[in-house]
Amino acid sequence: MSIEAINWALNRVRGITSTQKAILVALADRADASAQCYPSYQDICDRSGATRNAVARALAVFEDRCLIVRNQRHNKSTIYTLRLSSTGFDTDSTSTQFNTSSSTEFNTSSSTENRTLTTIEPSINHQKKKRSRKVPDGVDPEAWKEWVSYRKKFKAPTTERALTLVANKLKRCDFEDQREAVDKAIECGWRSVFPKQTNEIREFDR
């Protein structure tokens, strides 16, 4: 167990859901002095209380935000290297690429030294000029972004009316509960969100 890694996961990393936070702490609890660990999926599930699907999604988010580096080994468990210098912020606006040939190479056998990352600002010409959807007032921006992305991924309707209905539900609770509601909806494959304060899940909503 690395106290430094746990302190990083608990206090320094921001902008992730409570479920993702529990999963990150589970990894940190397994980390050694080099900030590396290699727990099984089941071990991460047991320690975080999250489902296997939630763990898979969280690991993808961590990797996308440069919080971890995964080194998959043939017929062996994956090695996770925690990037204790990262906080998970300021990664939404840039695309981070790893140059595996030299500048960002990780020696997973002995060292976790983080080398220079090459960041490339997205070109304005490549940005979609579709109608921009503003985050509704009173809704957590991170939770809203995950929800809209989830709906688009499964080609579900993202009309203004559909989004307004979801936003109105989320506004009834605080940001933490909003994130938990979105996490739960994504995990269960629901078409809408059901915050704790609104016990209104019906079969036709699923």
Foldseek 3Di string as FASTA:
>chain_A
DDPLQLCLLPPQADDAAPLLSLLSNQLSVQADPQQKHFDDLVSSCVRSVDDSVLNVVSVVLCVQLVQWDWDDDPPGTIMIHGDSVGRSPPRPQWGWDDDCVDFQPADRVDHGDGGDIDIDGDDPVPDDPDDDDDDDPQEDPSLLVLQVVLCVVVVHDPDPVLSVVQSVQLSVDHHNQSNVQSSVCSVVVFQHTAGPVRPDDDPVRD
